[in-house]
Protein backbone atom coordinates (compact mmCIF):
# COMPACT_ATOMS: atom_id res chain seq x y z
CA MET A 1 26.68 -34.77 4.04
CA ALA A 2 26.00 -32.90 0.80
CA ARG A 3 22.25 -33.24 1.34
CA ARG A 4 22.52 -31.82 4.87
CA ARG A 5 24.53 -28.85 3.65
CA GLY A 6 21.92 -28.27 0.91
CA ARG A 7 19.10 -28.30 3.43
CA ARG A 8 20.96 -25.87 5.70
CA SER A 9 21.64 -23.63 2.68
CA ASN A 10 17.94 -23.60 1.74
CA LYS A 11 16.96 -22.74 5.30
CA ALA A 12 19.51 -19.92 5.34
CA ASN A 13 18.16 -18.53 2.07
CA ILE A 14 14.60 -18.60 3.41
CA SER A 15 15.71 -16.87 6.61
CA ASP A 16 17.54 -14.21 4.61
CA PHE A 17 14.46 -13.68 2.43
CA TRP A 18 12.17 -13.08 5.40
CA ALA A 19 14.75 -10.86 7.06
CA ILE A 20 14.80 -8.68 3.93
CA VAL A 21 10.98 -8.60 3.81
CA ILE A 22 10.80 -7.54 7.46
CA LEU A 23 13.46 -4.87 6.90
CA VAL A 24 11.60 -3.46 3.86
CA LEU A 25 8.30 -3.38 5.76
CA PHE A 26 10.00 -1.62 8.67
CA LEU A 27 11.50 1.00 6.35
CA ILE A 28 8.09 1.62 4.73
CA TRP A 29 6.50 2.03 8.17
CA PHE A 30 9.30 4.31 9.38
CA ILE A 31 9.11 6.61 6.35
CA SER A 32 5.31 6.76 6.14
CA THR A 33 4.86 7.48 9.85
CA LYS A 34 7.93 9.69 10.31
CA GLY A 35 9.44 7.24 12.76
CA GLY A 36 6.14 6.76 14.56
CA SER A 37 5.35 10.47 15.02
CA ASP A 38 2.56 10.19 12.45
CA PRO A 39 1.18 6.70 13.27
CA ASN A 40 -1.63 6.83 10.73
CA GLY A 41 0.58 8.11 7.92
CA HIS A 42 -1.74 11.05 7.20
CA GLN A 43 1.07 13.52 6.54
CA THR A 44 2.74 11.26 4.01
CA ILE A 45 -0.55 10.51 2.26
CA ASP A 46 -1.25 14.25 2.12
CA ARG A 47 2.13 14.92 0.52
CA ILE A 48 1.60 12.18 -2.06
CA THR A 49 -1.89 13.37 -3.01
CA ARG A 50 -1.24 17.11 -2.70
CA SER A 51 0.14 17.64 -6.19
CA ASP A 52 -2.79 15.88 -7.86
CA HIS A 53 -5.25 17.70 -5.62
CA GLN A 54 -3.80 21.10 -6.40
CA LYS A 55 -3.89 20.43 -10.14
CA ASN A 56 -7.65 19.94 -9.83
CA ASN A 57 -8.17 22.67 -7.22
CA LYS A 58 -7.87 25.53 -9.70
CA ILE A 59 -10.00 27.66 -11.95
CA THR A 60 -7.84 27.97 -15.04
CA GLN A 61 -10.33 30.03 -17.02
CA ALA A 62 -12.53 32.79 -15.67
CA LYS A 63 -14.85 35.32 -17.26
CA PRO A 64 -15.16 38.95 -16.14
CA ALA A 65 -18.30 40.08 -14.37
CA ALA A 66 -20.83 41.99 -16.44
CA LYS A 67 -19.66 45.36 -15.10
CA VAL A 68 -17.76 48.16 -16.78
CA TYR A 69 -14.68 47.24 -14.74
CA GLY A 70 -15.10 43.43 -14.94
CA GLY A 71 -13.89 41.43 -11.95
CA LEU A 72 -15.20 38.24 -10.36
CA SER A 73 -18.33 36.85 -12.01
CA SER A 74 -21.13 35.12 -10.10
CA GLN A 75 -20.34 31.86 -11.92
CA ASP A 76 -16.71 31.91 -10.83
CA TYR A 77 -17.74 32.96 -7.31
CA GLN A 78 -19.74 29.74 -7.06
CA LYS A 79 -16.86 27.65 -8.40
CA LEU A 80 -14.60 29.06 -5.69
CA ALA A 81 -17.25 28.49 -3.02
CA ASN A 82 -17.35 24.80 -3.94
CA LEU A 83 -13.61 24.28 -3.41
CA ASP A 84 -12.46 22.38 -0.31
CA PHE A 85 -9.06 22.85 1.25
CA LYS A 86 -6.95 19.70 1.47
CA SER A 87 -4.68 19.40 4.50
CA GLY A 88 -1.05 19.88 3.49
CA SER A 89 -1.87 21.99 0.42
CA SER A 90 -0.91 25.55 -0.38
CA ALA A 91 -2.92 28.24 1.40
CA TYR A 92 -3.81 29.84 -1.93
CA ILE A 93 -4.29 28.97 -5.59
CA THR A 94 -4.21 31.03 -8.76
CA VAL A 95 -7.37 31.86 -10.69
CA ASN A 96 -7.52 32.38 -14.45
CA ASN A 97 -3.83 31.46 -14.72
CA ASP A 98 -3.06 34.31 -12.31
CA HIS A 99 -4.50 36.98 -14.62
CA SER A 100 -7.06 39.47 -13.37
CA THR A 101 -10.48 39.70 -14.99
CA LEU A 102 -10.60 43.40 -14.10
CA ILE A 103 -10.54 45.76 -17.08
CA LYS A 104 -7.46 47.94 -16.70
CA ASN A 105 -8.81 50.75 -18.89
CA ALA A 106 -11.80 51.21 -16.56
CA TRP A 107 -9.81 53.33 -14.05
CA ARG A 108 -11.48 56.78 -13.96
CA VAL A 109 -11.73 58.25 -10.44
CA ASN A 110 -9.82 57.55 -7.22
CA ARG A 111 -12.49 55.82 -5.15
CA VAL A 112 -13.66 52.52 -3.65
CA ILE A 113 -16.95 50.84 -4.49
CA TYR A 114 -18.09 49.29 -1.20
CA ALA A 115 -20.84 46.70 -1.70
CA ASN A 116 -23.75 46.62 0.73
CA LEU A 117 -23.98 43.81 3.28
CA ASP A 118 -26.18 40.91 2.23
CA SER A 119 -29.34 39.75 4.04
CA LEU A 120 -27.19 37.84 6.57
CA ASN A 121 -25.03 40.96 7.22
CA ARG A 122 -22.08 39.37 5.41
CA THR A 123 -19.59 41.07 3.12
CA SER A 124 -20.30 38.49 0.43
CA HIS A 125 -19.96 40.85 -2.54
CA SER A 126 -16.92 42.41 -4.18
CA ASN A 127 -15.34 45.65 -3.02
CA THR A 128 -13.48 47.30 -5.88
CA ALA A 129 -10.87 50.03 -5.43
CA PHE A 130 -9.45 52.46 -7.97
CA LEU A 131 -6.18 53.42 -6.36
CA GLN A 132 -3.23 55.75 -6.83
CA LYS A 133 -0.11 56.75 -4.93
CA ARG A 134 -1.87 59.05 -2.45
CA ASN A 135 -3.80 56.06 -1.08
CA VAL A 136 -0.74 54.50 0.59
CA ALA A 137 -1.61 54.96 4.28
CA ASN A 138 0.40 55.92 7.34
CA ASP A 139 0.35 52.85 9.57
CA SER A 140 0.74 54.94 12.75
CA LEU A 141 -2.83 56.22 12.37
CA ARG A 142 -4.43 52.83 12.94
CA VAL A 143 -6.96 52.59 15.76
CA ARG A 144 -8.43 49.65 17.65
CA GLN A 145 -11.06 47.79 15.65
CA PHE A 146 -14.37 46.94 17.29
CA VAL A 147 -16.61 45.74 14.44
CA GLU A 148 -17.62 42.08 14.83
CA PRO A 149 -18.29 40.59 11.38
CA THR A 150 -20.38 37.45 10.98
CA GLY A 151 -18.65 34.34 12.30
CA TRP A 152 -16.55 36.33 14.79
CA HIS A 153 -15.42 34.66 18.04
CA TYR A 154 -13.02 35.14 20.93
CA ASN A 155 -9.62 35.66 19.41
CA ARG A 156 -7.15 33.36 21.17
CA ARG A 157 -6.75 29.71 22.13
CA ASN A 158 -3.84 28.73 24.37
CA GLY A 159 -2.00 31.90 23.38
CA THR A 160 -2.54 31.35 19.64
CA GLN A 161 -4.25 34.10 17.66
CA ILE A 162 -6.91 32.50 15.48
CA TYR A 163 -9.16 35.26 14.16
CA ASN A 164 -8.53 38.60 12.48
CA ARG A 165 -10.92 41.26 11.32
CA GLY A 166 -9.78 40.94 7.74
CA HIS A 167 -10.02 43.97 5.47
CA LEU A 168 -11.25 43.49 1.93
CA ILE A 169 -9.53 46.68 0.76
CA ALA A 170 -6.48 46.93 3.00
CA TYR A 171 -5.99 49.78 5.41
CA SER A 172 -2.53 50.28 3.92
CA VAL A 173 -3.86 51.18 0.45
CA SER A 174 -6.99 53.14 1.36
CA ALA A 175 -5.67 56.44 2.77
CA GLY A 176 -8.15 59.26 2.27
CA ILE A 177 -11.07 56.99 1.35
CA ASP A 178 -14.16 57.59 3.49
CA GLN A 179 -16.80 54.97 4.28
CA GLU A 180 -18.83 56.09 1.29
CA GLY A 181 -15.86 55.22 -0.91
CA ASN A 182 -14.95 58.78 -1.87
CA PHE A 183 -11.52 60.39 -1.54
CA ASN A 184 -11.30 63.01 1.19
CA PRO A 185 -7.91 64.78 1.44
CA ASP A 186 -8.61 65.62 5.10
CA ASN A 187 -8.80 61.91 5.95
CA LEU A 188 -5.18 60.81 6.34
CA SER A 189 -5.76 57.28 7.64
CA GLY A 190 -6.84 54.18 5.77
CA ASP A 191 -10.20 52.44 6.06
CA GLN A 192 -11.04 51.42 9.63
CA ASN A 193 -14.06 49.93 11.38
CA ASN A 194 -16.11 49.88 8.21
CA PRO A 195 -18.65 47.00 8.40
CA LYS A 196 -18.76 46.91 4.59
CA ASN A 197 -15.03 46.22 4.42
CA LEU A 198 -14.43 43.56 7.09
CA PHE A 199 -14.93 39.82 7.39
CA THR A 200 -13.88 37.12 9.84
CA GLN A 201 -10.55 35.87 8.56
CA SER A 202 -8.02 33.48 10.04
CA ALA A 203 -4.92 35.14 11.43
CA PHE A 204 -2.76 32.96 9.17
CA SER A 205 -4.65 33.84 5.99
CA ASN A 206 -4.62 37.54 6.80
CA GLN A 207 -1.16 38.08 8.25
CA ARG A 208 0.83 35.46 6.38
CA ILE A 209 -0.82 35.24 2.95
CA GLN A 210 -2.97 38.26 2.12
CA THR A 211 -0.23 40.68 3.11
CA MET A 212 2.00 39.28 0.33
CA PHE A 213 -0.44 40.47 -2.32
CA GLU A 214 -1.23 43.75 -0.59
CA SER A 215 2.50 44.44 -0.56
CA ARG A 216 2.63 44.06 -4.34
CA ILE A 217 -0.11 46.67 -4.66
CA ARG A 218 1.73 49.11 -2.39
CA VAL A 219 4.90 48.71 -4.44
CA ALA A 220 2.99 49.49 -7.64
CA LEU A 221 1.32 52.54 -6.08
CA ARG A 222 4.64 53.89 -4.81
CA GLN A 223 5.88 53.59 -8.39
CA ASN A 224 3.08 56.01 -9.27
CA LYS A 225 1.01 53.37 -11.03
CA LYS A 226 -2.77 53.43 -11.01
CA VAL A 227 -4.27 50.15 -9.83
CA ILE A 228 -7.70 48.53 -9.83
CA TYR A 229 -7.96 46.13 -6.89
CA GLN A 230 -10.88 43.88 -6.03
CA ALA A 231 -11.44 41.68 -2.97
CA THR A 232 -14.33 39.25 -2.61
CA PRO A 233 -14.91 37.03 0.45
CA ILE A 234 -16.32 33.71 -0.73
CA PHE A 235 -19.17 32.21 1.30
CA ARG A 236 -20.79 28.83 0.74
CA GLY A 237 -24.57 28.90 1.02
CA GLU A 238 -25.68 30.63 4.22
CA GLU A 239 -22.49 29.99 6.18
CA LEU A 240 -21.42 32.91 8.36
CA MET A 241 -17.67 32.49 7.92
CA ALA A 242 -16.12 32.85 4.48
CA ARG A 243 -14.39 29.83 2.96
CA GLY A 244 -11.79 32.12 1.44
CA ILE A 245 -11.24 35.37 -0.41
CA ASN A 246 -10.55 36.18 -4.05
CA LEU A 247 -7.96 38.92 -4.54
CA GLN A 248 -7.17 40.35 -7.93
CA ALA A 249 -5.46 43.47 -9.17
CA VAL A 250 -4.28 45.06 -12.38
CA SER A 251 -2.39 48.28 -13.05
CA THR A 252 -3.37 50.48 -15.96
CA ASP A 253 -0.03 49.72 -17.62
CA GLY A 254 -0.57 45.97 -17.12
CA GLU A 255 2.69 45.42 -15.22
CA LEU A 256 0.84 44.45 -12.04
CA ASP A 257 -1.54 41.59 -12.74
CA PHE A 258 -2.62 38.81 -10.38
CA ASN A 259 -5.70 36.77 -9.51
CA VAL A 260 -5.64 34.42 -6.52
CA TYR A 261 -7.94 32.63 -4.10
CA LEU A 262 -6.88 32.40 -0.45
CA PHE A 263 -8.35 29.62 1.66
CA ASN A 264 -9.59 30.87 5.03
CA ILE A 265 -7.69 28.30 7.09
CA GLN A 266 -5.49 28.17 10.20
CA PRO A 267 -2.73 25.57 10.74
CA GLY A 268 -3.60 23.29 13.65
CA TYR A 269 -7.28 24.30 13.70
CA SER A 270 -10.46 23.44 11.81
CA PHE A 271 -13.36 25.84 11.40
CA ASN A 272 -17.08 25.21 11.42
CA TYR A 273 -17.89 27.66 8.64
CA ASN A 274 -21.58 27.66 9.57
CA ASN A 275 -20.83 29.68 12.69
CA GLY A 276 -17.07 30.35 12.61
CA ARG A 277 -16.18 28.26 15.67
CA ALA A 278 -12.69 26.74 15.72
CA ARG A 279 -11.43 23.50 17.22
CA ILE A 280 -7.91 22.13 17.61
CA ASP A 281 -7.02 19.82 14.73
CA HIS A 282 -3.43 18.58 14.63
CA GLU A 283 -4.03 17.05 11.21
CA MET A 284 -4.78 20.45 9.65
CA LEU A 285 -1.49 21.14 7.90
CA VAL A 286 -0.73 24.07 5.61
CA GLU A 287 2.20 24.48 3.26
CA GLU A 288 4.19 27.44 4.54
CA ASN A 289 6.98 27.80 1.99
CA TYR A 290 6.04 31.07 0.29
CA ASN A 291 8.23 33.63 -1.40
């Protein structure tokens, strides 16, 4: 009888072991696939790899351009152009440890230096603004935009806005600046329909991310600070849609100082940057927890 009880005990132990194994495997499957809603586990893999990816997806040291006011150099432009966005990551990264490479003492005259379009009609060069309080624009003077920058396409898919005509130097901080970049006191609105100051930008990047940094500039200007602000769309090779945009600003007193790169991405969509066309992509996830 003792032998029979021993055999039954061994069988019970084996059954318990396999029950535990099955339970553990089920829990792993449930967590990694969000209860089956992510059957391939892509979202979980993205979360696991995101921190390592973002550590590498930065330019911790940057050198100023060889201009009297500094700014983004051609070498750092190329480094940014080579970055790829990883699904699930933050929509922007810091550059040069979030410090501008603009030279704060270079502020002389209230103006904007608008770069010429390149041979592909792209705004692939930096626009640099020397701003003061009078440049904060009245939003009620905005008009409908009609310029179609390279990579532009029909604006909506299934009710979702995908594209914006993104300003390099924001309308809200360019009051009085004409299209030659000079201040004109008779011009009360900000920059509008200027081909040298627009690029095809995702609605998310423009409305959700870029506005955060433009707001910081407006706050500084309203505090009567003088600010140098530079915006540079980043294109890879001969692609017609920018991969992202570098924004950096510094006030002459140094209290405002940032340097970031915004990926030109849209949650739920992927872009063909060669021509700007978008397609639905449910695996394109973007971190949206921003202060």
